[in-house]
Amino acid sequence: MGVRDVPDIVIGRLPIYLRTLNLLSEAGQEFTSSQELGKRLGIGSAQIRKDLSHFGEFGKQGTGYEVSFLRDQISRILNVDRDWDVALVGFGDLGQAIANYGGFATKRFHIRAIFDSDPQKIGEEVNEGVVESIEKLPQIISENNIKVAIIAVPAGAAQEVTDVLIKAGVQAILSYAPITIIVPDNVHVQYIDPVMHLQKMAYYLT
């Protein structure tokens, strides 16, 4: 089965399984089951088995899943068994928070290049690097073969920034911009918009 044959909703659940397996591993647990995973995640055990069956057989009859083995296999499937260099575009309040958030590096995503259009921010030291001019983005992205980018720019600049990133070779974009961006089929985009989530939750308030 090819990458495009697996439903996107299934791929979206794999990181949730991986997070739970990491927690079980850290607690010293050696084996788990689809029933236990389902109880922890609020997902049916049959759904978990069906999701995993897209990629092979990982469990054993009577013993369930070996936690470390399944964790490693899902990491491999998600391509997070290796380190990824990431470009961050936008160094305003949100961009600064993202740049200083340590959670990315612990999951093997390392912000190696930061860009902004504000002359007052260019040259500012951030961790082990500096904020570069947006004009240097194509060259730095291309020369360092960076495939992943995070966009933390205003909505009005998001599409233009996206176009430049893609032309430079970026294939995956995490966008905090409150707008839907247009990309070719070979580029994957994930959106993070806290306001939209708040609006959805507000529907259920009494």
Protein backbone atom coordinates (compact mmCIF):
# COMPACT_ATOMS: atom_id res chain seq x y z
CA MET A 1 0.00 0.00 0.00
CA GLY A 2 1.41 3.36 -1.03
CA VAL A 3 1.57 6.51 1.05
CA ARG A 4 -1.39 8.07 -0.77
CA ASP A 5 -3.54 4.95 -0.22
CA VAL A 6 -3.65 5.37 3.57
CA PRO A 7 -6.50 7.69 4.66
CA ASP A 8 -5.26 10.99 6.08
CA ILE A 9 -7.43 10.49 9.17
CA VAL A 10 -5.46 7.31 9.94
CA ILE A 11 -2.13 9.14 9.59
CA GLY A 12 -3.53 11.79 11.94
CA ARG A 13 -4.09 9.20 14.67
CA LEU A 14 -0.60 7.70 14.48
CA PRO A 15 1.06 10.55 16.44
CA ILE A 16 -1.57 10.05 19.16
CA TYR A 17 -0.68 6.36 19.38
CA LEU A 18 3.02 7.25 19.40
CA ARG A 19 2.58 9.73 22.24
CA THR A 20 0.78 7.13 24.35
CA LEU A 21 3.38 4.46 23.60
CA ASN A 22 6.13 6.88 24.65
CA LEU A 23 4.34 7.43 27.96
CA LEU A 24 3.96 3.67 28.50
CA SER A 25 7.62 3.12 27.66
CA GLU A 26 8.72 5.85 30.07
CA ALA A 27 6.64 4.15 32.77
CA GLY A 28 8.50 0.90 32.13
CA GLN A 29 5.56 -0.98 30.62
CA GLU A 30 6.65 -3.69 28.17
CA PHE A 31 3.36 -4.78 26.60
CA THR A 32 0.01 -3.22 25.79
CA SER A 33 -3.14 -4.07 23.85
CA SER A 34 -5.54 -2.36 21.52
CA GLN A 35 -8.07 -2.46 24.37
CA GLU A 36 -5.74 -0.60 26.73
CA LEU A 37 -4.75 1.93 24.08
CA GLY A 38 -8.39 2.44 23.20
CA LYS A 39 -9.36 3.01 26.83
CA ARG A 40 -6.60 5.60 27.25
CA LEU A 41 -7.45 7.42 24.04
CA GLY A 42 -11.21 7.06 23.79
CA ILE A 43 -10.86 5.19 20.50
CA GLY A 44 -12.39 1.78 19.77
CA SER A 45 -9.93 -1.10 19.95
CA ALA A 46 -11.16 -2.36 16.56
CA GLN A 47 -10.35 1.05 15.04
CA ILE A 48 -6.82 0.92 16.43
CA ARG A 49 -6.24 -2.56 15.01
CA LYS A 50 -7.64 -1.44 11.66
CA ASP A 51 -5.41 1.64 11.60
CA LEU A 52 -2.28 -0.38 12.32
CA SER A 53 -3.21 -3.06 9.78
CA HIS A 54 -2.58 -0.53 7.00
CA PHE A 55 1.13 -0.90 7.74
CA GLY A 56 1.55 -4.53 8.75
CA GLU A 57 1.06 -6.94 11.64
CA PHE A 58 2.58 -5.66 14.87
CA GLY A 59 0.82 -7.62 17.61
CA LYS A 60 0.99 -11.19 18.86
CA GLN A 61 -1.96 -13.33 19.79
CA GLY A 62 -2.27 -13.52 23.56
CA THR A 63 0.41 -10.92 24.36
CA GLY A 64 -0.72 -7.86 22.40
CA TYR A 65 1.85 -5.30 21.32
CA GLU A 66 5.40 -4.94 22.55
CA VAL A 67 5.49 -1.26 23.50
CA SER A 68 9.04 -0.46 22.37
CA PHE A 69 8.65 -2.34 19.08
CA LEU A 70 5.35 -0.69 18.16
CA ARG A 71 6.70 2.71 19.19
CA ASP A 72 9.73 2.27 16.93
CA GLN A 73 7.62 1.03 14.03
CA ILE A 74 5.23 3.97 14.19
CA SER A 75 8.20 6.35 14.43
CA ARG A 76 9.58 4.79 11.26
CA ILE A 77 6.21 5.01 9.47
CA LEU A 78 5.91 8.70 10.38
CA ASN A 79 9.53 9.38 9.38
CA VAL A 80 10.26 10.70 12.86
CA ASP A 81 12.99 8.15 13.52
CA ARG A 82 15.41 10.77 12.18
CA ASP A 83 16.15 14.45 12.78
CA TRP A 84 14.51 17.15 10.66
CA ASP A 85 15.75 20.69 10.15
CA VAL A 86 12.96 23.27 10.25
CA ALA A 87 12.69 26.84 9.00
CA LEU A 88 10.62 29.36 10.97
CA VAL A 89 9.21 32.34 9.10
CA GLY A 90 8.01 35.19 11.30
CA PHE A 91 9.65 36.36 14.52
CA GLY A 92 6.89 38.35 16.16
CA ASP A 93 5.44 37.40 19.55
CA LEU A 94 4.21 34.04 18.26
CA GLY A 95 7.37 33.29 16.31
CA GLN A 96 9.54 34.05 19.34
CA ALA A 97 7.49 31.69 21.47
CA ILE A 98 7.83 28.96 18.85
CA ALA A 99 11.58 29.52 18.51
CA ASN A 100 12.07 29.17 22.26
CA TYR A 101 9.78 26.18 22.72
CA GLY A 102 11.91 23.14 23.53
CA GLY A 103 9.30 20.54 22.67
CA PHE A 104 10.15 20.45 18.98
CA ALA A 105 13.76 19.41 19.50
CA THR A 106 12.84 16.60 21.89
CA LYS A 107 10.75 15.12 19.06
CA ARG A 108 13.62 15.51 16.54
CA PHE A 109 12.44 18.72 14.83
CA HIS A 110 15.17 21.37 15.06
CA ILE A 111 14.61 25.02 14.12
CA ARG A 112 17.77 25.77 12.13
CA ALA A 113 16.76 28.94 10.29
CA ILE A 114 14.58 31.89 11.32
CA PHE A 115 13.43 34.65 8.99
CA ASP A 116 11.68 37.99 9.38
CA SER A 117 11.11 41.15 7.36
CA ASP A 118 11.52 43.59 10.28
CA PRO A 119 15.00 45.23 10.09
CA GLN A 120 15.02 45.61 13.88
CA LYS A 121 14.70 41.84 14.35
CA ILE A 122 17.25 40.81 11.70
CA GLY A 123 20.52 39.81 13.31
CA GLU A 124 18.94 39.07 16.69
CA GLU A 125 20.52 36.01 18.29
CA VAL A 126 18.20 33.08 18.97
CA ASN A 127 19.60 30.03 20.71
CA GLU A 128 22.51 29.00 18.45
CA GLY A 129 21.51 31.08 15.42
CA VAL A 130 20.37 34.51 14.30
CA VAL A 131 17.27 35.92 12.64
CA GLU A 132 17.92 36.26 8.91
CA SER A 133 16.33 38.62 6.40
CA ILE A 134 13.38 37.15 4.53
CA GLU A 135 15.28 37.97 1.36
CA LYS A 136 17.83 35.27 2.23
CA LEU A 137 15.15 32.61 2.64
CA PRO A 138 15.38 30.95 -0.80
CA GLN A 139 19.16 30.60 -0.65
CA ILE A 140 19.34 29.31 2.93
CA ILE A 141 16.44 26.86 2.50
CA SER A 142 17.90 25.48 -0.72
CA GLU A 143 21.51 25.26 0.45
CA ASN A 144 20.54 23.45 3.67
CA ASN A 145 17.97 21.19 2.00
CA ILE A 146 15.30 22.15 4.52
CA LYS A 147 12.01 20.36 3.82
CA VAL A 148 9.89 21.51 6.78
CA ALA A 149 8.77 25.05 7.63
CA ILE A 150 6.65 26.79 10.23
CA ILE A 151 4.76 29.94 9.22
CA ALA A 152 4.00 32.50 11.92
CA VAL A 153 3.22 35.52 9.77
CA PRO A 154 0.08 37.68 9.34
CA ALA A 155 -2.63 36.26 7.10
CA GLY A 156 -1.89 38.79 4.38
CA ALA A 157 1.68 37.54 3.97
CA ALA A 158 1.06 33.81 4.35
CA GLN A 159 0.47 32.89 0.70
CA GLU A 160 3.46 34.84 -0.58
CA VAL A 161 5.72 33.27 2.04
CA THR A 162 4.32 29.84 1.19
CA ASP A 163 5.07 30.28 -2.50
CA VAL A 164 8.68 31.23 -1.76
CA LEU A 165 9.13 28.29 0.62
CA ILE A 166 7.79 25.79 -1.89
CA LYS A 167 9.94 27.18 -4.69
CA ALA A 168 12.97 26.77 -2.42
CA GLY A 169 12.16 23.09 -1.81
CA VAL A 170 9.96 22.94 1.29
CA GLN A 171 7.47 20.04 1.22
CA ALA A 172 5.72 20.30 4.61
CA ILE A 173 4.33 23.44 6.25
CA LEU A 174 2.89 24.02 9.71
CA SER A 175 0.88 27.21 9.46
CA TYR A 176 -0.22 29.42 12.34
CA ALA A 177 -1.55 32.02 9.92
CA PRO A 178 -5.36 32.35 10.15
CA ILE A 179 -5.95 31.69 6.46
CA THR A 180 -6.08 28.70 4.13
CA ILE A 181 -3.05 28.66 1.85
CA ILE A 182 -2.91 27.13 -1.62
CA VAL A 183 -0.22 24.53 -2.26
CA PRO A 184 0.50 21.89 -4.92
CA ASP A 185 -0.44 18.25 -4.30
CA ASN A 186 3.09 17.26 -3.28
CA VAL A 187 3.16 19.74 -0.38
CA HIS A 188 1.39 18.94 2.90
CA VAL A 189 -0.01 21.65 5.17
CA GLN A 190 -1.22 21.47 8.77
CA TYR A 191 -3.01 24.40 10.39
CA ILE A 192 -2.99 25.58 13.98
CA ASP A 193 -5.63 28.23 14.68
CA PRO A 194 -6.49 28.51 18.40
CA VAL A 195 -9.35 30.93 17.69
CA MET A 196 -11.12 28.37 15.51
CA HIS A 197 -10.85 25.76 18.27
CA LEU A 198 -12.23 28.24 20.80
CA GLN A 199 -15.12 29.03 18.47
CA LYS A 200 -15.89 25.33 18.13
CA MET A 201 -15.82 24.81 21.90
CA ALA A 202 -18.02 27.86 22.46
CA TYR A 203 -20.80 26.04 20.61
CA TYR A 204 -21.02 23.53 23.46
CA LEU A 205 -21.10 26.11 26.25
CA THR A 206 -24.34 26.67 28.16
